[in-house]
Amino acid sequence: MVKVYLSRKGISYEEKNVSLDAVARQEVIDMGHRTTPVTTIGEHKVVGYNTTKLDEALAAEGLV
């Protein structure tokens, strides 16, 4: 859902699949998370599909 949400807003993103990419999986663990999705927007981390927090992070980074 995060991918669809960002795409509809015209925001490009890089997807990392933690099931297939051990380095990406370790990055998420190192951030202190054990669940996905984790969306990184600048310095902001949004865990799960939370449109309010996604919009706040996008706005803080000047992307919307």
C-alpha atoms as a PDB file:
ATOM      1  CA  MET A   1       0.000   0.000   0.000  1.00  0.00           C
ATOM      2  CA  VAL A   2       2.864   2.425   0.676  1.00  0.00           C
ATOM      3  CA  LYS A   3       4.133   1.903  -2.875  1.00  0.00           C
ATOM      4  CA  VAL A   4       0.710   2.660  -4.341  1.00  0.00           C
ATOM      5  CA  TYR A   5       0.299   5.709  -2.098  1.00  0.00           C
ATOM      6  CA  LEU A   6       3.668   7.181  -3.067  1.00  0.00           C
ATOM      7  CA  SER A   7       3.133   6.388  -6.753  1.00  0.00           C
ATOM      8  CA  ARG A   8      -0.232   8.149  -6.778  1.00  0.00           C
ATOM      9  CA  LYS A   9       1.470  11.227  -5.326  1.00  0.00           C
ATOM     10  CA  GLY A  10       4.165  11.061  -8.024  1.00  0.00           C
ATOM     11  CA  ILE A  11       6.897  10.308  -5.469  1.00  0.00           C
ATOM     12  CA  SER A  12       9.712   8.068  -6.669  1.00  0.00           C
ATOM     13  CA  TYR A  13      11.081   5.495  -4.255  1.00  0.00           C
ATOM     14  CA  GLU A  14      13.553   2.668  -3.931  1.00  0.00           C
ATOM     15  CA  GLU A  15      12.105  -0.635  -2.801  1.00  0.00           C
ATOM     16  CA  LYS A  16      14.174  -3.067  -0.770  1.00  0.00           C
ATOM     17  CA  ASN A  17      12.799  -6.553  -0.177  1.00  0.00           C
ATOM     18  CA  VAL A  18      13.939  -7.740   3.245  1.00  0.00           C
ATOM     19  CA  SER A  19      12.876 -11.288   2.387  1.00  0.00           C
ATOM     20  CA  LEU A  20      15.446 -11.453  -0.399  1.00  0.00           C
ATOM     21  CA  ASP A  21      18.061  -8.887   0.648  1.00  0.00           C
ATOM     22  CA  ALA A  22      20.012  -9.694   3.824  1.00  0.00           C
ATOM     23  CA  VAL A  23      21.634  -6.247   3.883  1.00  0.00           C
ATOM     24  CA  ALA A  24      18.240  -4.516   3.707  1.00  0.00           C
ATOM     25  CA  ARG A  25      16.918  -6.828   6.420  1.00  0.00           C
ATOM     26  CA  GLN A  26      19.841  -5.890   8.663  1.00  0.00           C
ATOM     27  CA  GLU A  27      19.252  -2.179   7.990  1.00  0.00           C
ATOM     28  CA  VAL A  28      15.682  -2.517   9.281  1.00  0.00           C
ATOM     29  CA  ILE A  29      16.863  -4.444  12.335  1.00  0.00           C
ATOM     30  CA  ASP A  30      19.579  -1.857  13.000  1.00  0.00           C
ATOM     31  CA  MET A  31      16.869   0.845  12.981  1.00  0.00           C
ATOM     32  CA  GLY A  32      15.211  -1.074  15.799  1.00  0.00           C
ATOM     33  CA  HIS A  33      12.317  -2.453  13.774  1.00  0.00           C
ATOM     34  CA  ARG A  34      11.161  -6.021  13.274  1.00  0.00           C
ATOM     35  CA  THR A  35       8.221  -5.334  11.000  1.00  0.00           C
ATOM     36  CA  THR A  36       7.666  -3.946   7.522  1.00  0.00           C
ATOM     37  CA  PRO A  37       7.079  -1.701   5.774  1.00  0.00           C
ATOM     38  CA  VAL A  38       9.572   0.824   7.057  1.00  0.00           C
ATOM     39  CA  THR A  39       9.645   3.914   4.865  1.00  0.00           C
ATOM     40  CA  THR A  40      12.606   6.260   5.158  1.00  0.00           C
ATOM     41  CA  ILE A  41      12.007   9.805   3.947  1.00  0.00           C
ATOM     42  CA  GLY A  42      15.047  11.923   4.687  1.00  0.00           C
ATOM     43  CA  GLU A  43      15.614  11.582   8.431  1.00  0.00           C
ATOM     44  CA  HIS A  44      12.030  10.410   9.012  1.00  0.00           C
ATOM     45  CA  LYS A  45      11.091   6.749   9.492  1.00  0.00           C
ATOM     46  CA  VAL A  46       7.488   5.665   9.056  1.00  0.00           C
ATOM     47  CA  VAL A  47       6.617   2.165  10.221  1.00  0.00           C
ATOM     48  CA  GLY A  48       3.554   0.588   8.670  1.00  0.00           C
ATOM     49  CA  TYR A  49       1.062   2.195   6.344  1.00  0.00           C
ATOM     50  CA  ASN A  50       0.228   5.494   8.017  1.00  0.00           C
ATOM     51  CA  THR A  51      -0.772   8.143   5.484  1.00  0.00           C
ATOM     52  CA  THR A  52      -0.723  10.936   8.052  1.00  0.00           C
ATOM     53  CA  LYS A  53       2.874  10.212   9.042  1.00  0.00           C
ATOM     54  CA  LEU A  54       3.892   9.662   5.409  1.00  0.00           C
ATOM     55  CA  ASP A  55       2.425  13.052   4.461  1.00  0.00           C
ATOM     56  CA  GLU A  56       4.135  14.744   7.410  1.00  0.00           C
ATOM     57  CA  ALA A  57       7.504  13.256   6.420  1.00  0.00           C
ATOM     58  CA  LEU A  58       7.034  14.161   2.764  1.00  0.00           C
ATOM     59  CA  ALA A  59       6.098  17.731   3.709  1.00  0.00           C
ATOM     60  CA  ALA A  60       9.044  18.036   6.111  1.00  0.00           C
ATOM     61  CA  GLU A  61      11.367  17.074   3.267  1.00  0.00           C
ATOM     62  CA  GLY A  62       9.668  19.467   0.846  1.00  0.00           C
ATOM     63  CA  LEU A  63       8.456  16.686  -1.415  1.00  0.00           C
ATOM     64  CA  VAL A  64       4.769  17.686  -1.482  1.00  0.00           C
END
